[in-house]
Amino acid sequence: MTPERQTTHFRGRIISLTTDEVRLPNGHMASLEVVHHPGGAAAVAIDAQERVCLLRQYRYVANGWLWELPAGKLEPDEPPLVTARRELIEEAGVSAREWRSLGSYLSSPGIFTEVLHLFLATGVEPAAVAHEQVEVIEVHWVPFREACDWAESGQIRDGKTAMGLIRARYVRTRAPPEVAPG
């Protein structure tokens, strides 16, 4: 859907904020505030011991520490799988031989354009970690079943992480194999 009119209020390093005048499918006009974000990708990396890589990351906006999957923002014209591979190496210090799409996730479709792409990564091997100075991260390897329990119980509050873990469990237990080479 293309807005009939769009007014930009803010353009930052990562996001922009607009008011979009749109005609809805029922014919009514609406004035919607929209936060534009380039999107991101996250990796559910599972090692040979059935442990998943979770980052304990300090998030100022969340007022503390969160459990998260290795993830990051899409660079311009960068395919989501490339982003997921890059972030897994940079944040977790591992790479993976096999990758499988777990689909996408809309973080807050009432206001954000952000689409997060989720991937299952297996065949994990060591790589050189490269945290950015603004990242405060601890790398943990948690038993996969325990991490899924954390997602279901609410101990994991980050949406992409909970969704990624639950989708990974689904494809590993119910869906036929469909692995793309790394």
N, C-alpha and C. Protein backbone atom coordinates (compact mmCIF):
# COMPACT_ATOMS: atom_id res chain seq x y z
N MET A 1 0.85 -1.18 0.00
CA MET A 1 0.00 0.00 0.00
C MET A 1 0.89 1.24 0.00
N THR A 2 0.64 2.15 -0.91
CA THR A 2 1.38 3.40 -1.00
C THR A 2 0.56 4.52 -0.37
N PRO A 3 1.20 5.32 0.49
CA PRO A 3 0.44 6.42 1.10
C PRO A 3 0.05 7.47 0.06
N GLU A 4 -1.10 8.10 0.27
CA GLU A 4 -1.50 9.20 -0.61
C GLU A 4 -0.68 10.44 -0.30
N ARG A 5 -0.24 10.54 0.96
CA ARG A 5 0.64 11.64 1.36
C ARG A 5 1.51 11.13 2.51
N GLN A 6 2.77 11.55 2.51
CA GLN A 6 3.68 11.14 3.57
C GLN A 6 4.49 12.35 4.03
N THR A 7 4.53 12.57 5.34
CA THR A 7 5.28 13.67 5.93
C THR A 7 6.37 13.08 6.82
N THR A 8 7.62 13.42 6.55
CA THR A 8 8.73 12.94 7.36
C THR A 8 8.95 13.89 8.53
N HIS A 9 9.00 13.32 9.73
CA HIS A 9 9.21 14.11 10.95
C HIS A 9 10.61 13.95 11.50
N PHE A 10 11.23 12.80 11.23
CA PHE A 10 12.56 12.53 11.76
C PHE A 10 13.27 11.54 10.85
N ARG A 11 14.55 11.78 10.60
CA ARG A 11 15.37 10.84 9.85
C ARG A 11 16.67 10.69 10.61
N GLY A 12 16.89 9.50 11.18
CA GLY A 12 18.08 9.24 11.98
C GLY A 12 19.03 8.29 11.28
N ARG A 13 19.99 7.80 12.05
CA ARG A 13 21.01 6.90 11.55
C ARG A 13 20.42 5.57 11.10
N ILE A 14 19.39 5.09 11.82
CA ILE A 14 18.79 3.78 11.51
C ILE A 14 17.33 3.90 11.12
N ILE A 15 16.57 4.71 11.83
CA ILE A 15 15.12 4.79 11.60
C ILE A 15 14.71 6.15 11.06
N SER A 16 13.50 6.18 10.52
CA SER A 16 12.84 7.45 10.20
C SER A 16 11.39 7.34 10.68
N LEU A 17 10.79 8.48 10.94
CA LEU A 17 9.41 8.54 11.43
C LEU A 17 8.60 9.40 10.48
N THR A 18 7.49 8.84 10.00
CA THR A 18 6.62 9.58 9.09
C THR A 18 5.18 9.51 9.58
N THR A 19 4.38 10.43 9.08
CA THR A 19 2.92 10.32 9.17
C THR A 19 2.44 10.04 7.76
N ASP A 20 1.76 8.91 7.59
CA ASP A 20 1.28 8.48 6.28
C ASP A 20 -0.24 8.61 6.23
N GLU A 21 -0.72 9.27 5.18
CA GLU A 21 -2.16 9.35 4.92
C GLU A 21 -2.48 8.21 3.94
N VAL A 22 -3.27 7.24 4.42
CA VAL A 22 -3.53 6.05 3.60
C VAL A 22 -5.03 5.79 3.50
N ARG A 23 -5.40 5.20 2.37
CA ARG A 23 -6.78 4.75 2.19
C ARG A 23 -6.81 3.26 2.54
N LEU A 24 -7.60 2.91 3.54
CA LEU A 24 -7.70 1.54 4.01
C LEU A 24 -8.57 0.70 3.07
N PRO A 25 -8.49 -0.62 3.15
CA PRO A 25 -9.30 -1.48 2.27
C PRO A 25 -10.80 -1.23 2.39
N ASN A 26 -11.26 -0.67 3.51
CA ASN A 26 -12.70 -0.38 3.65
C ASN A 26 -13.07 0.99 3.09
N GLY A 27 -12.09 1.69 2.49
CA GLY A 27 -12.34 2.99 1.86
C GLY A 27 -12.09 4.19 2.76
N HIS A 28 -11.94 4.01 4.05
CA HIS A 28 -11.70 5.12 4.97
C HIS A 28 -10.26 5.60 4.88
N MET A 29 -10.06 6.89 5.10
CA MET A 29 -8.72 7.48 5.16
C MET A 29 -8.23 7.42 6.60
N ALA A 30 -6.94 7.16 6.78
CA ALA A 30 -6.34 7.12 8.11
C ALA A 30 -5.01 7.84 8.09
N SER A 31 -4.70 8.51 9.18
CA SER A 31 -3.42 9.15 9.37
C SER A 31 -2.63 8.28 10.35
N LEU A 32 -1.57 7.63 9.85
CA LEU A 32 -0.82 6.66 10.64
C LEU A 32 0.61 7.12 10.85
N GLU A 33 1.08 7.02 12.10
CA GLU A 33 2.48 7.28 12.40
C GLU A 33 3.24 5.99 12.16
N VAL A 34 4.33 6.07 11.39
CA VAL A 34 5.07 4.88 10.99
C VAL A 34 6.55 5.08 11.29
N VAL A 35 7.14 4.09 11.96
CA VAL A 35 8.59 4.06 12.19
C VAL A 35 9.17 3.12 11.14
N HIS A 36 10.02 3.66 10.27
CA HIS A 36 10.64 2.88 9.19
C HIS A 36 11.98 2.35 9.67
N HIS A 37 12.17 1.04 9.53
CA HIS A 37 13.39 0.37 9.98
C HIS A 37 13.82 -0.58 8.86
N PRO A 38 15.14 -0.74 8.60
CA PRO A 38 15.57 -1.59 7.48
C PRO A 38 15.35 -3.08 7.68
N GLY A 39 15.04 -3.51 8.90
CA GLY A 39 14.83 -4.93 9.17
C GLY A 39 16.10 -5.58 9.68
N GLY A 40 15.98 -6.85 10.02
CA GLY A 40 17.12 -7.55 10.58
C GLY A 40 17.02 -9.04 10.36
N ALA A 41 18.03 -9.74 10.89
CA ALA A 41 18.08 -11.20 10.79
C ALA A 41 18.67 -11.75 12.07
N ALA A 42 18.19 -12.94 12.46
CA ALA A 42 18.65 -13.60 13.69
C ALA A 42 18.92 -15.07 13.41
N ALA A 43 19.88 -15.63 14.17
CA ALA A 43 20.27 -17.02 14.00
C ALA A 43 20.00 -17.82 15.26
N VAL A 44 19.30 -18.95 15.10
CA VAL A 44 19.15 -19.94 16.16
C VAL A 44 20.25 -20.96 15.88
N ALA A 45 21.41 -20.77 16.53
CA ALA A 45 22.57 -21.62 16.29
C ALA A 45 22.59 -22.75 17.31
N ILE A 46 22.56 -23.99 16.82
CA ILE A 46 22.53 -25.16 17.69
C ILE A 46 23.78 -26.01 17.41
N ASP A 47 24.51 -26.31 18.48
CA ASP A 47 25.75 -27.07 18.32
C ASP A 47 25.50 -28.58 18.41
N ALA A 48 26.57 -29.36 18.31
CA ALA A 48 26.47 -30.82 18.32
C ALA A 48 26.01 -31.37 19.66
N GLN A 49 26.12 -30.59 20.73
CA GLN A 49 25.67 -31.02 22.06
C GLN A 49 24.23 -30.60 22.35
N GLU A 50 23.50 -30.15 21.29
CA GLU A 50 22.11 -29.72 21.43
C GLU A 50 21.96 -28.50 22.33
N ARG A 51 22.95 -27.60 22.23
CA ARG A 51 22.88 -26.33 22.96
C ARG A 51 22.66 -25.22 21.93
N VAL A 52 21.93 -24.20 22.35
CA VAL A 52 21.66 -23.05 21.49
C VAL A 52 22.45 -21.86 22.01
N CYS A 53 22.93 -21.04 21.10
CA CYS A 53 23.67 -19.84 21.47
C CYS A 53 22.68 -18.74 21.84
N LEU A 54 22.75 -18.30 23.09
CA LEU A 54 21.97 -17.15 23.55
C LEU A 54 22.93 -16.10 24.07
N LEU A 55 22.64 -14.87 23.74
CA LEU A 55 23.43 -13.76 24.23
C LEU A 55 22.71 -13.12 25.40
N ARG A 56 23.42 -12.87 26.45
CA ARG A 56 22.88 -12.05 27.55
C ARG A 56 23.41 -10.67 27.24
N GLN A 57 22.49 -9.78 26.82
CA GLN A 57 22.88 -8.48 26.28
C GLN A 57 22.23 -7.36 27.06
N TYR A 58 23.04 -6.33 27.38
CA TYR A 58 22.50 -5.17 28.07
C TYR A 58 21.78 -4.29 27.06
N ARG A 59 20.53 -3.95 27.38
CA ARG A 59 19.73 -3.09 26.51
C ARG A 59 19.22 -1.92 27.33
N TYR A 60 19.71 -0.74 27.02
CA TYR A 60 19.31 0.48 27.73
C TYR A 60 17.80 0.67 27.69
N VAL A 61 17.20 0.54 26.51
CA VAL A 61 15.77 0.80 26.34
C VAL A 61 14.93 -0.19 27.15
N ALA A 62 15.42 -1.41 27.34
CA ALA A 62 14.71 -2.43 28.13
C ALA A 62 15.05 -2.32 29.62
N ASN A 63 15.90 -1.37 29.96
CA ASN A 63 16.28 -1.12 31.35
C ASN A 63 16.99 -2.31 31.99
N GLY A 64 17.85 -2.97 31.20
CA GLY A 64 18.62 -4.06 31.80
C GLY A 64 19.05 -5.11 30.80
N TRP A 65 19.24 -6.31 31.30
CA TRP A 65 19.77 -7.43 30.53
C TRP A 65 18.64 -8.27 29.94
N LEU A 66 18.85 -8.72 28.69
CA LEU A 66 17.90 -9.60 27.99
C LEU A 66 18.65 -10.80 27.44
N TRP A 67 17.93 -11.91 27.30
CA TRP A 67 18.43 -13.07 26.55
C TRP A 67 18.01 -12.87 25.11
N GLU A 68 18.97 -12.97 24.19
CA GLU A 68 18.69 -12.76 22.77
C GLU A 68 19.46 -13.74 21.91
N LEU A 69 18.95 -13.96 20.72
CA LEU A 69 19.69 -14.68 19.68
C LEU A 69 20.71 -13.73 19.06
N PRO A 70 21.79 -14.26 18.51
CA PRO A 70 22.67 -13.40 17.70
C PRO A 70 21.86 -12.83 16.54
N ALA A 71 21.89 -11.51 16.40
CA ALA A 71 21.04 -10.86 15.40
C ALA A 71 21.59 -9.48 15.08
N GLY A 72 21.14 -8.93 13.97
CA GLY A 72 21.55 -7.58 13.62
C GLY A 72 20.72 -7.01 12.49
N LYS A 73 21.00 -5.75 12.23
CA LYS A 73 20.29 -4.95 11.23
C LYS A 73 20.78 -5.30 9.83
N LEU A 74 19.84 -5.37 8.89
CA LEU A 74 20.19 -5.55 7.48
C LEU A 74 20.91 -4.30 6.98
N GLU A 75 22.02 -4.52 6.30
CA GLU A 75 22.69 -3.41 5.63
C GLU A 75 21.99 -3.19 4.29
N PRO A 76 22.15 -2.00 3.67
CA PRO A 76 21.46 -1.74 2.39
C PRO A 76 21.76 -2.82 1.36
N ASP A 77 20.72 -3.35 0.75
CA ASP A 77 20.80 -4.38 -0.29
C ASP A 77 21.44 -5.69 0.17
N GLU A 78 21.51 -5.92 1.47
CA GLU A 78 22.10 -7.14 1.99
C GLU A 78 21.02 -8.20 2.18
N PRO A 79 21.18 -9.40 1.61
CA PRO A 79 20.21 -10.46 1.84
C PRO A 79 20.19 -10.85 3.32
N PRO A 80 19.03 -11.20 3.86
CA PRO A 80 18.93 -11.55 5.28
C PRO A 80 19.87 -12.68 5.72
N LEU A 81 20.08 -13.69 4.88
CA LEU A 81 20.97 -14.78 5.25
C LEU A 81 22.40 -14.28 5.45
N VAL A 82 22.83 -13.34 4.64
CA VAL A 82 24.17 -12.76 4.79
C VAL A 82 24.27 -12.04 6.13
N THR A 83 23.22 -11.31 6.49
CA THR A 83 23.20 -10.62 7.78
C THR A 83 23.29 -11.62 8.92
N ALA A 84 22.49 -12.68 8.87
CA ALA A 84 22.50 -13.68 9.94
C ALA A 84 23.87 -14.33 10.07
N ARG A 85 24.50 -14.67 8.96
CA ARG A 85 25.84 -15.28 8.99
C ARG A 85 26.85 -14.33 9.63
N ARG A 86 26.81 -13.06 9.20
CA ARG A 86 27.73 -12.05 9.73
C ARG A 86 27.56 -11.86 11.22
N GLU A 87 26.31 -11.73 11.66
CA GLU A 87 26.05 -11.47 13.07
C GLU A 87 26.40 -12.67 13.95
N LEU A 88 26.20 -13.88 13.46
CA LEU A 88 26.56 -15.06 14.24
C LEU A 88 28.07 -15.06 14.50
N ILE A 89 28.85 -14.74 13.50
CA ILE A 89 30.30 -14.68 13.68
C ILE A 89 30.68 -13.55 14.61
N GLU A 90 30.19 -12.34 14.32
CA GLU A 90 30.58 -11.16 15.09
C GLU A 90 30.18 -11.25 16.56
N GLU A 91 28.96 -11.70 16.83
CA GLU A 91 28.45 -11.67 18.19
C GLU A 91 28.73 -12.94 18.99
N ALA A 92 28.70 -14.09 18.33
CA ALA A 92 28.84 -15.36 19.05
C ALA A 92 30.20 -16.02 18.85
N GLY A 93 30.94 -15.59 17.85
CA GLY A 93 32.25 -16.20 17.60
C GLY A 93 32.17 -17.59 17.01
N VAL A 94 31.07 -17.86 16.26
CA VAL A 94 30.94 -19.15 15.56
C VAL A 94 30.35 -18.91 14.17
N SER A 95 30.62 -19.88 13.30
CA SER A 95 29.97 -19.89 11.98
C SER A 95 29.19 -21.21 11.90
N ALA A 96 28.42 -21.38 10.85
CA ALA A 96 27.63 -22.60 10.69
C ALA A 96 27.71 -23.09 9.25
N ARG A 97 27.70 -24.42 9.10
CA ARG A 97 27.76 -25.01 7.76
C ARG A 97 26.38 -25.10 7.10
N GLU A 98 25.31 -25.33 7.90
CA GLU A 98 23.98 -25.49 7.33
C GLU A 98 23.05 -24.40 7.86
N TRP A 99 22.23 -23.89 6.95
CA TRP A 99 21.27 -22.83 7.30
C TRP A 99 19.91 -23.20 6.76
N ARG A 100 18.89 -22.89 7.53
CA ARG A 100 17.51 -23.13 7.11
C ARG A 100 16.66 -21.94 7.52
N SER A 101 15.86 -21.45 6.62
CA SER A 101 14.97 -20.33 6.93
C SER A 101 13.88 -20.78 7.90
N LEU A 102 13.61 -19.94 8.89
CA LEU A 102 12.49 -20.14 9.81
C LEU A 102 11.40 -19.10 9.55
N GLY A 103 11.47 -18.44 8.42
CA GLY A 103 10.48 -17.43 8.07
C GLY A 103 10.80 -16.07 8.66
N SER A 104 9.84 -15.19 8.55
CA SER A 104 10.05 -13.83 9.06
C SER A 104 9.08 -13.54 10.21
N TYR A 105 9.34 -12.44 10.88
CA TYR A 105 8.60 -12.07 12.08
C TYR A 105 8.41 -10.55 12.05
N LEU A 106 7.20 -10.09 12.29
CA LEU A 106 6.90 -8.65 12.35
C LEU A 106 6.96 -8.22 13.80
N SER A 107 7.89 -7.31 14.13
CA SER A 107 8.10 -6.97 15.53
C SER A 107 6.92 -6.22 16.14
N SER A 108 6.34 -5.28 15.43
CA SER A 108 5.18 -4.52 15.93
C SER A 108 4.48 -3.89 14.74
N PRO A 109 3.67 -4.67 13.99
CA PRO A 109 3.14 -4.23 12.71
C PRO A 109 2.16 -3.07 12.77
N GLY A 110 1.76 -2.65 13.94
CA GLY A 110 0.88 -1.49 14.03
C GLY A 110 1.61 -0.17 13.87
N ILE A 111 2.95 -0.21 14.00
CA ILE A 111 3.70 1.04 13.93
C ILE A 111 5.05 0.92 13.24
N PHE A 112 5.70 -0.27 13.30
CA PHE A 112 7.04 -0.45 12.72
C PHE A 112 6.98 -1.18 11.39
N THR A 113 7.86 -0.80 10.46
CA THR A 113 8.01 -1.54 9.20
C THR A 113 9.02 -2.67 9.34
N GLU A 114 9.67 -2.79 10.49
CA GLU A 114 10.73 -3.78 10.71
C GLU A 114 10.22 -5.21 10.49
N VAL A 115 10.96 -5.94 9.63
CA VAL A 115 10.74 -7.36 9.42
C VAL A 115 12.01 -8.06 9.85
N LEU A 116 11.88 -9.05 10.74
CA LEU A 116 13.03 -9.83 11.20
C LEU A 116 12.98 -11.20 10.55
N HIS A 117 14.10 -11.61 9.95
CA HIS A 117 14.22 -12.89 9.28
C HIS A 117 14.93 -13.86 10.22
N LEU A 118 14.34 -15.03 10.42
CA LEU A 118 14.86 -16.00 11.37
C LEU A 118 15.45 -17.20 10.64
N PHE A 119 16.60 -17.69 11.15
CA PHE A 119 17.28 -18.82 10.53
C PHE A 119 17.74 -19.81 11.58
N LEU A 120 17.70 -21.09 11.21
CA LEU A 120 18.28 -22.15 12.01
C LEU A 120 19.67 -22.43 11.45
N ALA A 121 20.67 -22.41 12.32
CA ALA A 121 22.06 -22.62 11.92
C ALA A 121 22.60 -23.84 12.66
N THR A 122 23.11 -24.81 11.91
CA THR A 122 23.69 -26.01 12.51
C THR A 122 25.04 -26.28 11.88
N GLY A 123 25.75 -27.27 12.40
CA GLY A 123 27.11 -27.51 11.93
C GLY A 123 28.01 -26.37 12.39
N VAL A 124 27.91 -26.04 13.68
CA VAL A 124 28.59 -24.87 14.25
C VAL A 124 30.09 -25.12 14.40
N GLU A 125 30.88 -24.10 14.03
CA GLU A 125 32.34 -24.15 14.13
C GLU A 125 32.85 -22.83 14.69
N PRO A 126 33.98 -22.85 15.42
CA PRO A 126 34.53 -21.61 15.97
C PRO A 126 34.90 -20.60 14.88
N ALA A 127 34.75 -19.32 15.20
CA ALA A 127 35.15 -18.21 14.32
C ALA A 127 35.59 -17.07 15.24
N ALA A 128 36.10 -16.01 14.66
CA ALA A 128 36.60 -14.87 15.45
C ALA A 128 35.48 -13.93 15.81
N VAL A 129 35.24 -13.77 17.12
CA VAL A 129 34.22 -12.85 17.61
C VAL A 129 34.66 -11.41 17.34
N ALA A 130 33.72 -10.51 17.12
CA ALA A 130 34.05 -9.10 16.83
C ALA A 130 32.95 -8.19 17.36
N HIS A 131 32.78 -8.14 18.68
CA HIS A 131 31.76 -7.27 19.26
C HIS A 131 32.07 -5.82 18.96
N GLU A 132 31.00 -5.06 18.74
CA GLU A 132 31.15 -3.61 18.57
C GLU A 132 31.27 -2.98 19.95
N GLN A 133 31.91 -1.79 20.04
CA GLN A 133 32.12 -1.14 21.33
C GLN A 133 30.81 -0.85 22.05
N VAL A 134 29.74 -0.61 21.32
CA VAL A 134 28.46 -0.27 21.95
C VAL A 134 27.67 -1.51 22.35
N GLU A 135 28.22 -2.70 22.11
CA GLU A 135 27.54 -3.94 22.49
C GLU A 135 28.13 -4.46 23.80
N VAL A 136 27.25 -4.70 24.76
CA VAL A 136 27.64 -5.32 26.02
C VAL A 136 27.00 -6.70 26.01
N ILE A 137 27.80 -7.71 25.71
CA ILE A 137 27.29 -9.06 25.41
C ILE A 137 28.08 -10.11 26.17
N GLU A 138 27.34 -11.10 26.70
CA GLU A 138 27.92 -12.33 27.22
C GLU A 138 27.38 -13.46 26.34
N VAL A 139 28.26 -14.34 25.87
CA VAL A 139 27.85 -15.47 25.03
C VAL A 139 27.63 -16.69 25.93
N HIS A 140 26.45 -17.31 25.82
CA HIS A 140 26.11 -18.50 26.60
C HIS A 140 25.60 -19.59 25.66
N TRP A 141 25.92 -20.84 25.99
CA TRP A 141 25.38 -22.00 25.27
C TRP A 141 24.47 -22.74 26.23
N VAL A 142 23.19 -22.69 25.94
CA VAL A 142 22.14 -23.20 26.83
C VAL A 142 21.51 -24.44 26.19
N PRO A 143 21.22 -25.49 26.96
CA PRO A 143 20.53 -26.64 26.36
C PRO A 143 19.27 -26.16 25.61
N PHE A 144 19.13 -26.64 24.38
CA PHE A 144 18.04 -26.17 23.51
C PHE A 144 16.68 -26.32 24.18
N ARG A 145 16.42 -27.47 24.78
CA ARG A 145 15.10 -27.68 25.42
C ARG A 145 14.87 -26.68 26.55
N GLU A 146 15.91 -26.37 27.31
CA GLU A 146 15.78 -25.40 28.39
C GLU A 146 15.49 -24.01 27.84
N ALA A 147 16.17 -23.63 26.77
CA ALA A 147 15.93 -22.32 26.16
C ALA A 147 14.49 -22.22 25.65
N CYS A 148 13.97 -23.30 25.06
CA CYS A 148 12.57 -23.30 24.60
C CYS A 148 11.63 -23.14 25.79
N ASP A 149 11.95 -23.79 26.90
CA ASP A 149 11.14 -23.61 28.12
C ASP A 149 11.16 -22.15 28.56
N TRP A 150 12.33 -21.52 28.50
CA TRP A 150 12.45 -20.10 28.87
C TRP A 150 11.56 -19.24 27.96
N ALA A 151 11.52 -19.58 26.67
CA ALA A 151 10.69 -18.81 25.73
C ALA A 151 9.22 -18.97 26.08
N GLU A 152 8.79 -20.19 26.38
CA GLU A 152 7.39 -20.45 26.70
C GLU A 152 6.97 -19.85 28.04
N SER A 153 7.88 -19.82 29.01
CA SER A 153 7.53 -19.34 30.35
C SER A 153 7.56 -17.82 30.48
N GLY A 154 8.17 -17.15 29.51
CA GLY A 154 8.29 -15.70 29.59
C GLY A 154 9.61 -15.22 30.16
N GLN A 155 10.49 -16.14 30.51
CA GLN A 155 11.82 -15.73 30.98
C GLN A 155 12.58 -15.03 29.86
N ILE A 156 12.37 -15.47 28.63
CA ILE A 156 12.90 -14.76 27.46
C ILE A 156 11.83 -13.76 27.04
N ARG A 157 12.15 -12.48 27.11
CA ARG A 157 11.18 -11.42 26.82
C ARG A 157 11.33 -10.85 25.42
N ASP A 158 12.44 -11.14 24.76
CA ASP A 158 12.69 -10.62 23.42
C ASP A 158 11.88 -11.43 22.40
N GLY A 159 11.06 -10.75 21.62
CA GLY A 159 10.16 -11.42 20.69
C GLY A 159 10.83 -12.26 19.63
N LYS A 160 11.87 -11.74 18.99
CA LYS A 160 12.53 -12.50 17.92
C LYS A 160 13.17 -13.76 18.47
N THR A 161 13.67 -13.68 19.71
CA THR A 161 14.32 -14.83 20.32
C THR A 161 13.29 -15.90 20.67
N ALA A 162 12.21 -15.52 21.31
CA ALA A 162 11.16 -16.49 21.64
C ALA A 162 10.60 -17.11 20.37
N MET A 163 10.30 -16.30 19.37
CA MET A 163 9.74 -16.80 18.11
C MET A 163 10.74 -17.72 17.40
N GLY A 164 12.00 -17.32 17.36
CA GLY A 164 13.03 -18.12 16.71
C GLY A 164 13.18 -19.49 17.36
N LEU A 165 13.21 -19.53 18.70
CA LEU A 165 13.36 -20.80 19.41
C LEU A 165 12.16 -21.72 19.16
N ILE A 166 10.98 -21.16 19.21
CA ILE A 166 9.77 -21.99 19.03
C ILE A 166 9.66 -22.49 17.60
N ARG A 167 10.00 -21.65 16.62
CA ARG A 167 9.98 -22.12 15.23
C ARG A 167 11.07 -23.15 14.98
N ALA A 168 12.24 -22.96 15.58
CA ALA A 168 13.32 -23.94 15.42
C ALA A 168 12.90 -25.29 15.99
N ARG A 169 12.27 -25.27 17.15
CA ARG A 169 11.80 -26.53 17.75
C ARG A 169 10.78 -27.19 16.82
N TYR A 170 9.88 -26.40 16.25
CA TYR A 170 8.86 -26.94 15.35
C TYR A 170 9.51 -27.63 14.14
N VAL A 171 10.43 -26.94 13.45
CA VAL A 171 11.00 -27.55 12.24
C VAL A 171 11.88 -28.74 12.57
N ARG A 172 12.48 -28.75 13.75
CA ARG A 172 13.34 -29.87 14.12
C ARG A 172 12.54 -31.10 14.54
N THR A 173 11.31 -30.91 14.98
CA THR A 173 10.53 -32.06 15.46
C THR A 173 9.39 -32.45 14.53
N ARG A 174 8.91 -31.54 13.70
CA ARG A 174 7.70 -31.83 12.91
C ARG A 174 7.85 -31.68 11.41
N ALA A 175 8.73 -30.82 10.99
CA ALA A 175 8.81 -30.53 9.55
C ALA A 175 9.86 -31.41 8.89
N PRO A 176 9.65 -31.75 7.61
CA PRO A 176 10.66 -32.56 6.89
C PRO A 176 11.94 -31.75 6.68
N PRO A 177 13.10 -32.41 6.57
CA PRO A 177 14.36 -31.69 6.36
C PRO A 177 14.35 -30.89 5.07
N GLU A 178 14.94 -29.73 5.14
CA GLU A 178 15.05 -28.83 3.98
C GLU A 178 16.19 -27.87 4.28
N VAL A 179 17.40 -28.36 4.20
CA VAL A 179 18.56 -27.59 4.62
C VAL A 179 19.27 -27.02 3.40
N ALA A 180 19.62 -25.75 3.48
CA ALA A 180 20.40 -25.10 2.43
C ALA A 180 21.85 -25.08 2.87
N PRO A 181 22.80 -25.38 1.97
CA PRO A 181 24.21 -25.33 2.36
C PRO A 181 24.60 -23.92 2.77
N GLY A 182 25.51 -23.82 3.74
CA GLY A 182 25.97 -22.54 4.26
C GLY A 182 26.84 -21.84 3.30
